[in-house]
Amino acid sequence: MMQLITSDLNKIKSVAILGRLDTTTYPSLEECLNQLFATGTRQLVIDCSQMDYVSSSGLRVFLMMLKKMKSENGTLVICGLQAPIHNVFEISGFLSIFNIAPDVEKALGFFDQTKD
């Protein structure tokens, strides 16, 4: 079971993932992120502080969104990785390709130099 909560942090969009991101729930996240991108979101924080599991399908959604954001000079920051999920990101090499922050407040720091 997974729940997504989308919010606005000034001009930056945030999506919080609650629960499990796995083979049955990843399409919901993919649809949410694609919709945000289609409507012009180029500054995005994905808050994983309440996500308790991620499968390879979920990792693929993160990677797909990163590629889309980079293609449009956007910025994607992932924050709040719990220890087990942080380990998955480390093993998969994602720590070196994503902007990672400990929490939403620190994630916003990645956008300080970004133009409107």
PDB file of N, CA and C in Angstrom:
ATOM      1  N   MET A   1       0.844  -1.188   0.000  1.00  0.00           N
ATOM      2  CA  MET A   1       0.000   0.000   0.000  1.00  0.00           C
ATOM      3  C   MET A   1       0.885   1.245   0.000  1.00  0.00           C
ATOM      4  N   MET A   2       0.489   2.229  -0.811  1.00  0.00           N
ATOM      5  CA  MET A   2       1.251   3.459  -0.917  1.00  0.00           C
ATOM      6  C   MET A   2       0.304   4.637  -1.067  1.00  0.00           C
ATOM      7  N   GLN A   3       0.721   5.754  -0.505  1.00  0.00           N
ATOM      8  CA  GLN A   3      -0.033   6.995  -0.648  1.00  0.00           C
ATOM      9  C   GLN A   3       0.933   8.072  -1.110  1.00  0.00           C
ATOM     10  N   LEU A   4       0.463   8.968  -1.990  1.00  0.00           N
ATOM     11  CA  LEU A   4       1.267  10.092  -2.463  1.00  0.00           C
ATOM     12  C   LEU A   4       0.629  11.390  -2.011  1.00  0.00           C
ATOM     13  N   ILE A   5       1.441  12.293  -1.491  1.00  0.00           N
ATOM     14  CA  ILE A   5       0.950  13.610  -1.086  1.00  0.00           C
ATOM     15  C   ILE A   5       1.760  14.659  -1.834  1.00  0.00           C
ATOM     16  N   THR A   6       1.086  15.411  -2.683  1.00  0.00           N
ATOM     17  CA  THR A   6       1.735  16.451  -3.476  1.00  0.00           C
ATOM     18  C   THR A   6       1.483  17.799  -2.834  1.00  0.00           C
ATOM     19  N   SER A   7       2.519  18.625  -2.760  1.00  0.00           N
ATOM     20  CA  SER A   7       2.357  19.963  -2.196  1.00  0.00           C
ATOM     21  C   SER A   7       3.270  20.960  -2.894  1.00  0.00           C
ATOM     22  N   ASP A   8       2.997  22.228  -2.667  1.00  0.00           N
ATOM     23  CA  ASP A   8       3.806  23.303  -3.228  1.00  0.00           C
ATOM     24  C   ASP A   8       4.652  23.917  -2.129  1.00  0.00           C
ATOM     25  N   LEU A   9       5.952  24.060  -2.406  1.00  0.00           N
ATOM     26  CA  LEU A   9       6.879  24.729  -1.498  1.00  0.00           C
ATOM     27  C   LEU A   9       7.395  25.940  -2.270  1.00  0.00           C
ATOM     28  N   ASN A  10       6.638  27.038  -2.232  1.00  0.00           N
ATOM     29  CA  ASN A  10       6.877  28.199  -3.085  1.00  0.00           C
ATOM     30  C   ASN A  10       6.744  27.755  -4.540  1.00  0.00           C
ATOM     31  N   LYS A  11       7.811  27.846  -5.340  1.00  0.00           N
ATOM     32  CA  LYS A  11       7.720  27.440  -6.748  1.00  0.00           C
ATOM     33  C   LYS A  11       8.213  26.015  -6.959  1.00  0.00           C
ATOM     34  N   ILE A  12       8.468  25.315  -5.872  1.00  0.00           N
ATOM     35  CA  ILE A  12       9.007  23.961  -5.939  1.00  0.00           C
ATOM     36  C   ILE A  12       7.895  22.983  -5.562  1.00  0.00           C
ATOM     37  N   LYS A  13       7.730  21.941  -6.360  1.00  0.00           N
ATOM     38  CA  LYS A  13       6.738  20.901  -6.060  1.00  0.00           C
ATOM     39  C   LYS A  13       7.381  19.833  -5.182  1.00  0.00           C
ATOM     40  N   SER A  14       6.566  19.263  -4.324  1.00  0.00           N
ATOM     41  CA  SER A  14       7.021  18.177  -3.463  1.00  0.00           C
ATOM     42  C   SER A  14       6.042  17.015  -3.567  1.00  0.00           C
ATOM     43  N   VAL A  15       6.603  15.812  -3.641  1.00  0.00           N
ATOM     44  CA  VAL A  15       5.789  14.601  -3.608  1.00  0.00           C
ATOM     45  C   VAL A  15       6.322  13.741  -2.468  1.00  0.00           C
ATOM     46  N   ALA A  16       5.462  13.489  -1.482  1.00  0.00           N
ATOM     47  CA  ALA A  16       5.832  12.608  -0.374  1.00  0.00           C
ATOM     48  C   ALA A  16       5.271  11.213  -0.663  1.00  0.00           C
ATOM     49  N   ILE A  17       6.123  10.212  -0.480  1.00  0.00           N
ATOM     50  CA  ILE A  17       5.726   8.822  -0.691  1.00  0.00           C
ATOM     51  C   ILE A  17       5.554   8.176   0.675  1.00  0.00           C
ATOM     52  N   LEU A  18       4.351   7.665   0.939  1.00  0.00           N
ATOM     53  CA  LEU A  18       4.066   6.997   2.198  1.00  0.00           C
ATOM     54  C   LEU A  18       3.819   5.522   1.914  1.00  0.00           C
ATOM     55  N   GLY A  19       4.580   4.647   2.575  1.00  0.00           N
ATOM     56  CA  GLY A  19       4.374   3.215   2.410  1.00  0.00           C
ATOM     57  C   GLY A  19       5.380   2.579   1.470  1.00  0.00           C
ATOM     58  N   ARG A  20       4.923   1.578   0.733  1.00  0.00           N
ATOM     59  CA  ARG A  20       5.786   0.753  -0.115  1.00  0.00           C
ATOM     60  C   ARG A  20       5.730   1.198  -1.570  1.00  0.00           C
ATOM     61  N   LEU A  21       6.905   1.393  -2.151  1.00  0.00           N
ATOM     62  CA  LEU A  21       7.012   1.657  -3.586  1.00  0.00           C
ATOM     63  C   LEU A  21       7.516   0.370  -4.229  1.00  0.00           C
ATOM     64  N   ASP A  22       6.589  -0.389  -4.819  1.00  0.00           N
ATOM     65  CA  ASP A  22       6.945  -1.702  -5.347  1.00  0.00           C
ATOM     66  C   ASP A  22       6.294  -1.937  -6.709  1.00  0.00           C
ATOM     67  N   THR A  23       6.289  -3.182  -7.155  1.00  0.00           N
ATOM     68  CA  THR A  23       5.785  -3.498  -8.494  1.00  0.00           C
ATOM     69  C   THR A  23       4.292  -3.222  -8.657  1.00  0.00           C
ATOM     70  N   THR A  24       3.553  -3.194  -7.561  1.00  0.00           N
ATOM     71  CA  THR A  24       2.118  -2.907  -7.668  1.00  0.00           C
ATOM     72  C   THR A  24       1.801  -1.426  -7.512  1.00  0.00           C
ATOM     73  N   THR A  25       2.685  -0.659  -6.868  1.00  0.00           N
ATOM     74  CA  THR A  25       2.372   0.749  -6.598  1.00  0.00           C
ATOM     75  C   THR A  25       3.146   1.744  -7.463  1.00  0.00           C
ATOM     76  N   TYR A  26       4.236   1.300  -8.106  1.00  0.00           N
ATOM     77  CA  TYR A  26       5.035   2.257  -8.867  1.00  0.00           C
ATOM     78  C   TYR A  26       4.267   2.977  -9.978  1.00  0.00           C
ATOM     79  N   PRO A  27       3.241   2.338 -10.633  1.00  0.00           N
ATOM     80  CA  PRO A  27       2.538   3.076 -11.684  1.00  0.00           C
ATOM     81  C   PRO A  27       1.873   4.367 -11.174  1.00  0.00           C
ATOM     82  N   SER A  28       1.414   4.365  -9.930  1.00  0.00           N
ATOM     83  CA  SER A  28       0.801   5.576  -9.361  1.00  0.00           C
ATOM     84  C   SER A  28       1.817   6.710  -9.254  1.00  0.00           C
ATOM     85  N   LEU A  29       3.022   6.380  -8.781  1.00  0.00           N
ATOM     86  CA  LEU A  29       4.073   7.393  -8.682  1.00  0.00           C
ATOM     87  C   LEU A  29       4.484   7.866 -10.070  1.00  0.00           C
ATOM     88  N   GLU A  30       4.643   6.932 -10.989  1.00  0.00           N
ATOM     89  CA  GLU A  30       5.037   7.278 -12.357  1.00  0.00           C
ATOM     90  C   GLU A  30       4.023   8.238 -12.985  1.00  0.00           C
ATOM     91  N   GLU A  31       2.745   7.945 -12.809  1.00  0.00           N
ATOM     92  CA  GLU A  31       1.685   8.793 -13.349  1.00  0.00           C
ATOM     93  C   GLU A  31       1.714  10.181 -12.705  1.00  0.00           C
ATOM     94  N   CYS A  32       1.879  10.229 -11.393  1.00  0.00           N
ATOM     95  CA  CYS A  32       1.940  11.502 -10.665  1.00  0.00           C
ATOM     96  C   CYS A  32       3.109  12.359 -11.158  1.00  0.00           C
ATOM     97  N   LEU A  33       4.293  11.767 -11.247  1.00  0.00           N
ATOM     98  CA  LEU A  33       5.480  12.515 -11.667  1.00  0.00           C
ATOM     99  C   LEU A  33       5.376  12.949 -13.126  1.00  0.00           C
ATOM    100  N   ASN A  34       4.860  12.080 -13.992  1.00  0.00           N
ATOM    101  CA  ASN A  34       4.695  12.444 -15.398  1.00  0.00           C
ATOM    102  C   ASN A  34       3.713  13.598 -15.561  1.00  0.00           C
ATOM    103  N   GLN A  35       2.662  13.589 -14.754  1.00  0.00           N
ATOM    104  CA  GLN A  35       1.678  14.670 -14.809  1.00  0.00           C
ATOM    105  C   GLN A  35       2.303  15.989 -14.350  1.00  0.00           C
ATOM    106  N   LEU A  36       3.079  15.952 -13.271  1.00  0.00           N
ATOM    107  CA  LEU A  36       3.756  17.170 -12.805  1.00  0.00           C
ATOM    108  C   LEU A  36       4.699  17.698 -13.886  1.00  0.00           C
ATOM    109  N   PHE A  37       5.449  16.806 -14.497  1.00  0.00           N
ATOM    110  CA  PHE A  37       6.394  17.204 -15.538  1.00  0.00           C
ATOM    111  C   PHE A  37       5.653  17.793 -16.744  1.00  0.00           C
ATOM    112  N   ALA A  38       4.562  17.153 -17.140  1.00  0.00           N
ATOM    113  CA  ALA A  38       3.779  17.608 -18.292  1.00  0.00           C
ATOM    114  C   ALA A  38       3.181  18.993 -18.072  1.00  0.00           C
ATOM    115  N   THR A  39       2.918  19.332 -16.811  1.00  0.00           N
ATOM    116  CA  THR A  39       2.326  20.639 -16.515  1.00  0.00           C
ATOM    117  C   THR A  39       3.382  21.685 -16.155  1.00  0.00           C
ATOM    118  N   GLY A  40       4.660  21.376 -16.421  1.00  0.00           N
ATOM    119  CA  GLY A  40       5.697  22.395 -16.303  1.00  0.00           C
ATOM    120  C   GLY A  40       6.580  22.346 -15.071  1.00  0.00           C
ATOM    121  N   THR A  41       6.398  21.360 -14.207  1.00  0.00           N
ATOM    122  CA  THR A  41       7.256  21.266 -13.019  1.00  0.00           C
ATOM    123  C   THR A  41       8.682  20.935 -13.441  1.00  0.00           C
ATOM    124  N   ARG A  42       9.621  21.796 -13.032  1.00  0.00           N
ATOM    125  CA  ARG A  42      11.038  21.559 -13.321  1.00  0.00           C
ATOM    126  C   ARG A  42      11.884  21.629 -12.050  1.00  0.00           C
ATOM    127  N   GLN A  43      11.221  21.857 -10.918  1.00  0.00           N
ATOM    128  CA  GLN A  43      11.884  21.852  -9.612  1.00  0.00           C
ATOM    129  C   GLN A  43      11.050  20.952  -8.708  1.00  0.00           C
ATOM    130  N   LEU A  44      11.648  19.807  -8.324  1.00  0.00           N
ATOM    131  CA  LEU A  44      10.870  18.781  -7.638  1.00  0.00           C
ATOM    132  C   LEU A  44      11.656  18.154  -6.497  1.00  0.00           C
ATOM    133  N   VAL A  45      10.972  18.001  -5.360  1.00  0.00           N
ATOM    134  CA  VAL A  45      11.507  17.268  -4.212  1.00  0.00           C
ATOM    135  C   VAL A  45      10.655  16.019  -4.038  1.00  0.00           C
ATOM    136  N   ILE A  46      11.314  14.869  -3.943  1.00  0.00           N
ATOM    137  CA  ILE A  46      10.604  13.634  -3.611  1.00  0.00           C
ATOM    138  C   ILE A  46      10.990  13.272  -2.186  1.00  0.00           C
ATOM    139  N   ASP A  47       9.999  13.346  -1.294  1.00  0.00           N
ATOM    140  CA  ASP A  47      10.214  13.097   0.138  1.00  0.00           C
ATOM    141  C   ASP A  47       9.954  11.625   0.436  1.00  0.00           C
ATOM    142  N   CYS A  48      11.013  10.921   0.792  1.00  0.00           N
ATOM    143  CA  CYS A  48      10.923   9.475   1.058  1.00  0.00           C
ATOM    144  C   CYS A  48      10.956   9.156   2.552  1.00  0.00           C
ATOM    145  N   SER A  49      10.762  10.169   3.389  1.00  0.00           N
ATOM    146  CA  SER A  49      10.906   9.951   4.834  1.00  0.00           C
ATOM    147  C   SER A  49       9.885   8.966   5.398  1.00  0.00           C
ATOM    148  N   GLN A  50       8.762   8.771   4.683  1.00  0.00           N
ATOM    149  CA  GLN A  50       7.752   7.818   5.148  1.00  0.00           C
ATOM    150  C   GLN A  50       7.598   6.633   4.197  1.00  0.00           C
ATOM    151  N   MET A  51       8.582   6.470   3.324  1.00  0.00           N
ATOM    152  CA  MET A  51       8.597   5.325   2.421  1.00  0.00           C
ATOM    153  C   MET A  51       9.391   4.212   3.110  1.00  0.00           C
ATOM    154  N   ASP A  52       8.779   3.035   3.243  1.00  0.00           N
ATOM    155  CA  ASP A  52       9.462   1.984   3.993  1.00  0.00           C
ATOM    156  C   ASP A  52       9.989   0.846   3.121  1.00  0.00           C
ATOM    157  N   TYR A  53       9.810   0.940   1.799  1.00  0.00           N
ATOM    158  CA  TYR A  53      10.341  -0.089   0.913  1.00  0.00           C
ATOM    159  C   TYR A  53      10.403   0.466  -0.497  1.00  0.00           C
ATOM    160  N   VAL A  54      11.440   0.096  -1.249  1.00  0.00           N
ATOM    161  CA  VAL A  54      11.511   0.449  -2.666  1.00  0.00           C
ATOM    162  C   VAL A  54      12.026  -0.755  -3.449  1.00  0.00           C
ATOM    163  N   SER A  55      11.328  -1.079  -4.535  1.00  0.00           N
ATOM    164  CA  SER A  55      11.754  -2.175  -5.410  1.00  0.00           C
ATOM    165  C   SER A  55      12.508  -1.600  -6.603  1.00  0.00           C
ATOM    166  N   SER A  56      13.031  -2.487  -7.439  1.00  0.00           N
ATOM    167  CA  SER A  56      13.726  -2.026  -8.634  1.00  0.00           C
ATOM    168  C   SER A  56      12.787  -1.251  -9.556  1.00  0.00           C
ATOM    169  N   SER A  57      11.510  -1.582  -9.542  1.00  0.00           N
ATOM    170  CA  SER A  57      10.531  -0.833 -10.338  1.00  0.00           C
ATOM    171  C   SER A  57      10.430   0.608  -9.852  1.00  0.00           C
ATOM    172  N   GLY A  58      10.455   0.780  -8.552  1.00  0.00           N
ATOM    173  CA  GLY A  58      10.424   2.118  -7.974  1.00  0.00           C
ATOM    174  C   GLY A  58      11.676   2.902  -8.306  1.00  0.00           C
ATOM    175  N   LEU A  59      12.817   2.240  -8.235  1.00  0.00           N
ATOM    176  CA  LEU A  59      14.089   2.897  -8.587  1.00  0.00           C
ATOM    177  C   LEU A  59      14.072   3.359 -10.040  1.00  0.00           C
ATOM    178  N   ARG A  60      13.476   2.554 -10.904  1.00  0.00           N
ATOM    179  CA  ARG A  60      13.392   2.914 -12.319  1.00  0.00           C
ATOM    180  C   ARG A  60      12.574   4.195 -12.518  1.00  0.00           C
ATOM    181  N   VAL A  61      11.506   4.366 -11.727  1.00  0.00           N
ATOM    182  CA  VAL A  61      10.688   5.583 -11.823  1.00  0.00           C
ATOM    183  C   VAL A  61      11.529   6.808 -11.431  1.00  0.00           C
ATOM    184  N   PHE A  62      12.324   6.686 -10.360  1.00  0.00           N
ATOM    185  CA  PHE A  62      13.199   7.792  -9.957  1.00  0.00           C
ATOM    186  C   PHE A  62      14.172   8.142 -11.085  1.00  0.00           C
ATOM    187  N   LEU A  63      14.779   7.119 -11.665  1.00  0.00           N
ATOM    188  CA  LEU A  63      15.763   7.323 -12.720  1.00  0.00           C
ATOM    189  C   LEU A  63      15.133   7.964 -13.957  1.00  0.00           C
ATOM    190  N   MET A  64      13.960   7.494 -14.335  1.00  0.00           N
ATOM    191  CA  MET A  64      13.246   8.055 -15.479  1.00  0.00           C
ATOM    192  C   MET A  64      12.951   9.536 -15.256  1.00  0.00           C
ATOM    193  N   MET A  65      12.522   9.877 -14.038  1.00  0.00           N
ATOM    194  CA  MET A  65      12.194  11.277 -13.753  1.00  0.00           C
ATOM    195  C   MET A  65      13.456  12.139 -13.749  1.00  0.00           C
ATOM    196  N   LEU A  66      14.547  11.604 -13.229  1.00  0.00           N
ATOM    197  CA  LEU A  66      15.806  12.354 -13.234  1.00  0.00           C
ATOM    198  C   LEU A  66      16.219  12.685 -14.667  1.00  0.00           C
ATOM    199  N   LYS A  67      16.122  11.713 -15.562  1.00  0.00           N
ATOM    200  CA  LYS A  67      16.489  11.934 -16.963  1.00  0.00           C
ATOM    201  C   LYS A  67      15.605  12.999 -17.597  1.00  0.00           C
ATOM    202  N   LYS A  68      14.304  12.953 -17.322  1.00  0.00           N
ATOM    203  CA  LYS A  68      13.388  13.961 -17.866  1.00  0.00           C
ATOM    204  C   LYS A  68      13.745  15.354 -17.344  1.00  0.00           C
ATOM    205  N   MET A  69      13.979  15.444 -16.032  1.00  0.00           N
ATOM    206  CA  MET A  69      14.290  16.746 -15.428  1.00  0.00           C
ATOM    207  C   MET A  69      15.592  17.301 -16.000  1.00  0.00           C
ATOM    208  N   LYS A  70      16.613  16.459 -16.117  1.00  0.00           N
ATOM    209  CA  LYS A  70      17.896  16.920 -16.660  1.00  0.00           C
ATOM    210  C   LYS A  70      17.759  17.383 -18.108  1.00  0.00           C
ATOM    211  N   SER A  71      16.898  16.722 -18.875  1.00  0.00           N
ATOM    212  CA  SER A  71      16.724  17.087 -20.282  1.00  0.00           C
ATOM    213  C   SER A  71      16.127  18.484 -20.435  1.00  0.00           C
ATOM    214  N   GLU A  72      15.476  18.969 -19.394  1.00  0.00           N
ATOM    215  CA  GLU A  72      14.840  20.299 -19.411  1.00  0.00           C
ATOM    216  C   GLU A  72      15.523  21.256 -18.435  1.00  0.00           C
ATOM    217  N   ASN A  73      16.756  20.949 -18.037  1.00  0.00           N
ATOM    218  CA  ASN A  73      17.498  21.759 -17.061  1.00  0.00           C
ATOM    219  C   ASN A  73      16.751  21.912 -15.740  1.00  0.00           C
ATOM    220  N   GLY A  74      16.012  20.885 -15.367  1.00  0.00           N
ATOM    221  CA  GLY A  74      15.293  20.899 -14.101  1.00  0.00           C
ATOM    222  C   GLY A  74      16.159  20.336 -12.981  1.00  0.00           C
ATOM    223  N   THR A  75      15.616  20.401 -11.779  1.00  0.00           N
ATOM    224  CA  THR A  75      16.324  19.892 -10.604  1.00  0.00           C
ATOM    225  C   THR A  75      15.412  18.949  -9.834  1.00  0.00           C
ATOM    226  N   LEU A  76      15.936  17.769  -9.529  1.00  0.00           N
ATOM    227  CA  LEU A  76      15.227  16.774  -8.742  1.00  0.00           C
ATOM    228  C   LEU A  76      16.067  16.466  -7.514  1.00  0.00           C
ATOM    229  N   VAL A  77      15.442  16.544  -6.340  1.00  0.00           N
ATOM    230  CA  VAL A  77      16.128  16.219  -5.088  1.00  0.00           C
ATOM    231  C   VAL A  77      15.309  15.154  -4.366  1.00  0.00           C
ATOM    232  N   ILE A  78      15.980  14.118  -3.915  1.00  0.00           N
ATOM    233  CA  ILE A  78      15.340  13.070  -3.124  1.00  0.00           C
ATOM    234  C   ILE A  78      15.781  13.259  -1.681  1.00  0.00           C
ATOM    235  N   CYS A  79      14.820  13.241  -0.760  1.00  0.00           N
ATOM    236  CA  CYS A  79      15.192  13.461   0.640  1.00  0.00           C
ATOM    237  C   CYS A  79      14.526  12.445   1.555  1.00  0.00           C
ATOM    238  N   GLY A  80      15.060  12.382   2.770  1.00  0.00           N
ATOM    239  CA  GLY A  80      14.474  11.574   3.826  1.00  0.00           C
ATOM    240  C   GLY A  80      14.643  10.072   3.662  1.00  0.00           C
ATOM    241  N   LEU A  81      15.729   9.651   3.044  1.00  0.00           N
ATOM    242  CA  LEU A  81      15.940   8.213   2.864  1.00  0.00           C
ATOM    243  C   LEU A  81      16.208   7.539   4.206  1.00  0.00           C
ATOM    244  N   GLN A  82      15.364   6.574   4.559  1.00  0.00           N
ATOM    245  CA  GLN A  82      15.587   5.786   5.764  1.00  0.00           C
ATOM    246  C   GLN A  82      16.762   4.838   5.511  1.00  0.00           C
ATOM    247  N   ALA A  83      17.406   4.343   6.561  1.00  0.00           N
ATOM    248  CA  ALA A  83      18.631   3.542   6.436  1.00  0.00           C
ATOM    249  C   ALA A  83      18.529   2.394   5.427  1.00  0.00           C
ATOM    250  N   PRO A  84      17.481   1.555   5.473  1.00  0.00           N
ATOM    251  CA  PRO A  84      17.431   0.445   4.507  1.00  0.00           C
ATOM    252  C   PRO A  84      17.330   0.936   3.058  1.00  0.00           C
ATOM    253  N   ILE A  85      16.584   2.008   2.833  1.00  0.00           N
ATOM    254  CA  ILE A  85      16.416   2.544   1.481  1.00  0.00           C
ATOM    255  C   ILE A  85      17.680   3.275   1.044  1.00  0.00           C
ATOM    256  N   HIS A  86      18.317   3.952   1.982  1.00  0.00           N
ATOM    257  CA  HIS A  86      19.610   4.594   1.701  1.00  0.00           C
ATOM    258  C   HIS A  86      20.610   3.534   1.222  1.00  0.00           C
ATOM    259  N   ASN A  87      20.591   2.366   1.864  1.00  0.00           N
ATOM    260  CA  ASN A  87      21.475   1.268   1.467  1.00  0.00           C
ATOM    261  C   ASN A  87      21.173   0.791   0.050  1.00  0.00           C
ATOM    262  N   VAL A  88      19.901   0.701  -0.301  1.00  0.00           N
ATOM    263  CA  VAL A  88      19.514   0.302  -1.663  1.00  0.00           C
ATOM    264  C   VAL A  88      20.043   1.325  -2.671  1.00  0.00           C
ATOM    265  N   PHE A  89      19.906   2.610  -2.348  1.00  0.00           N
ATOM    266  CA  PHE A  89      20.415   3.666  -3.227  1.00  0.00           C
ATOM    267  C   PHE A  89      21.937   3.572  -3.358  1.00  0.00           C
ATOM    268  N   GLU A  90      22.601   3.253  -2.252  1.00  0.00           N
ATOM    269  CA  GLU A  90      24.059   3.134  -2.274  1.00  0.00           C
ATOM    270  C   GLU A  90      24.497   1.949  -3.145  1.00  0.00           C
ATOM    271  N   ILE A  91      23.890   0.795  -2.933  1.00  0.00           N
ATOM    272  CA  ILE A  91      24.238  -0.417  -3.673  1.00  0.00           C
ATOM    273  C   ILE A  91      23.975  -0.241  -5.169  1.00  0.00           C
ATOM    274  N   SER A  92      22.890   0.463  -5.507  1.00  0.00           N
ATOM    275  CA  SER A  92      22.523   0.642  -6.913  1.00  0.00           C
ATOM    276  C   SER A  92      23.300   1.770  -7.591  1.00  0.00           C
ATOM    277  N   GLY A  93      24.107   2.504  -6.811  1.00  0.00           N
ATOM    278  CA  GLY A  93      24.877   3.610  -7.376  1.00  0.00           C
ATOM    279  C   GLY A  93      24.094   4.905  -7.499  1.00  0.00           C
ATOM    280  N   PHE A  94      22.887   4.941  -6.962  1.00  0.00           N
ATOM    281  CA  PHE A  94      22.037   6.127  -7.093  1.00  0.00           C
ATOM    282  C   PHE A  94      22.504   7.302  -6.236  1.00  0.00           C
ATOM    283  N   LEU A  95      23.250   7.042  -5.174  1.00  0.00           N
ATOM    284  CA  LEU A  95      23.711   8.148  -4.323  1.00  0.00           C
ATOM    285  C   LEU A  95      24.597   9.111  -5.107  1.00  0.00           C
ATOM    286  N   SER A  96      25.312   8.594  -6.107  1.00  0.00           N
ATOM    287  CA  SER A  96      26.230   9.445  -6.859  1.00  0.00           C
ATOM    288  C   SER A  96      25.557  10.179  -8.018  1.00  0.00           C
ATOM    289  N   ILE A  97      24.346   9.777  -8.414  1.00  0.00           N
ATOM    290  CA  ILE A  97      23.705  10.450  -9.547  1.00  0.00           C
ATOM    291  C   ILE A  97      22.527  11.332  -9.152  1.00  0.00           C
ATOM    292  N   PHE A  98      22.000  11.143  -7.955  1.00  0.00           N
ATOM    293  CA  PHE A  98      20.882  11.962  -7.490  1.00  0.00           C
ATOM    294  C   PHE A  98      21.355  13.007  -6.490  1.00  0.00           C
ATOM    295  N   ASN A  99      20.625  14.126  -6.433  1.00  0.00           N
ATOM    296  CA  ASN A  99      20.784  15.070  -5.333  1.00  0.00           C
ATOM    297  C   ASN A  99      20.043  14.465  -4.145  1.00  0.00           C
ATOM    298  N   ILE A 100      20.761  14.200  -3.059  1.00  0.00           N
ATOM    299  CA  ILE A 100      20.172  13.564  -1.874  1.00  0.00           C
ATOM    300  C   ILE A 100      20.292  14.525  -0.695  1.00  0.00           C
ATOM    301  N   ALA A 101      19.198  14.691   0.037  1.00  0.00           N
ATOM    302  CA  ALA A 101      19.194  15.550   1.220  1.00  0.00           C
ATOM    303  C   ALA A 101      18.570  14.786   2.387  1.00  0.00           C
ATOM    304  N   PRO A 102      18.955  15.144   3.622  1.00  0.00           N
ATOM    305  CA  PRO A 102      18.403  14.423   4.773  1.00  0.00           C
ATOM    306  C   PRO A 102      16.925  14.715   5.029  1.00  0.00           C
ATOM    307  N   ASP A 103      16.461  15.924   4.655  1.00  0.00           N
ATOM    308  CA  ASP A 103      15.058  16.285   4.888  1.00  0.00           C
ATOM    309  C   ASP A 103      14.624  17.352   3.877  1.00  0.00           C
ATOM    310  N   VAL A 104      13.340  17.698   3.894  1.00  0.00           N
ATOM    311  CA  VAL A 104      12.786  18.658   2.931  1.00  0.00           C
ATOM    312  C   VAL A 104      13.467  20.015   3.062  1.00  0.00           C
ATOM    313  N   GLU A 105      13.681  20.471   4.282  1.00  0.00           N
ATOM    314  CA  GLU A 105      14.311  21.780   4.493  1.00  0.00           C
ATOM    315  C   GLU A 105      15.683  21.849   3.808  1.00  0.00           C
ATOM    316  N   LYS A 106      16.493  20.821   4.007  1.00  0.00           N
ATOM    317  CA  LYS A 106      17.820  20.776   3.371  1.00  0.00           C
ATOM    318  C   LYS A 106      17.698  20.598   1.850  1.00  0.00           C
ATOM    319  N   ALA A 107      16.671  19.871   1.420  1.00  0.00           N
ATOM    320  CA  ALA A 107      16.452  19.670  -0.019  1.00  0.00           C
ATOM    321  C   ALA A 107      16.229  21.000  -0.719  1.00  0.00           C
ATOM    322  N   LEU A 108      15.541  21.918  -0.065  1.00  0.00           N
ATOM    323  CA  LEU A 108      15.263  23.221  -0.669  1.00  0.00           C
ATOM    324  C   LEU A 108      16.547  23.986  -0.940  1.00  0.00           C
ATOM    325  N   GLY A 109      17.622  23.689  -0.208  1.00  0.00           N
ATOM    326  CA  GLY A 109      18.908  24.336  -0.421  1.00  0.00           C
ATOM    327  C   GLY A 109      19.477  24.071  -1.801  1.00  0.00           C
ATOM    328  N   PHE A 110      19.074  22.974  -2.438  1.00  0.00           N
ATOM    329  CA  PHE A 110      19.566  22.652  -3.781  1.00  0.00           C
ATOM    330  C   PHE A 110      18.999  23.605  -4.825  1.00  0.00           C
ATOM    331  N   PHE A 111      17.957  24.351  -4.458  1.00  0.00           N
ATOM    332  CA  PHE A 111      17.277  25.212  -5.422  1.00  0.00           C
ATOM    333  C   PHE A 111      17.683  26.682  -5.273  1.00  0.00           C
ATOM    334  N   ASP A 112      18.532  27.014  -4.301  1.00  0.00           N
ATOM    335  CA  ASP A 112      18.889  28.396  -4.034  1.00  0.00           C
ATOM    336  C   ASP A 112      19.478  29.121  -5.245  1.00  0.00           C
ATOM    337  N   GLN A 113      20.271  28.425  -6.053  1.00  0.00           N
ATOM    338  CA  GLN A 113      20.899  29.055  -7.205  1.00  0.00           C
ATOM    339  C   GLN A 113      20.054  28.921  -8.467  1.00  0.00           C
ATOM    340  N   THR A 114      18.906  28.294  -8.362  1.00  0.00           N
ATOM    341  CA  THR A 114      18.098  28.048  -9.541  1.00  0.00           C
ATOM    342  C   THR A 114      17.277  29.278  -9.900  1.00  0.00           C
ATOM    343  N   LYS A 115      17.271  29.605 -11.194  1.00  0.00           N
ATOM    344  CA  LYS A 115      16.490  30.751 -11.654  1.00  0.00           C
ATOM    345  C   LYS A 115      15.012  30.385 -11.733  1.00  0.00           C
ATOM    346  N   ASP A 116      14.182  31.419 -11.758  1.00  0.00           N
ATOM    347  CA  ASP A 116      12.733  31.198 -11.923  1.00  0.00           C
ATOM    348  C   ASP A 116      12.443  30.660 -13.293  1.00  0.00           C
TER     349      ASP A 116
END
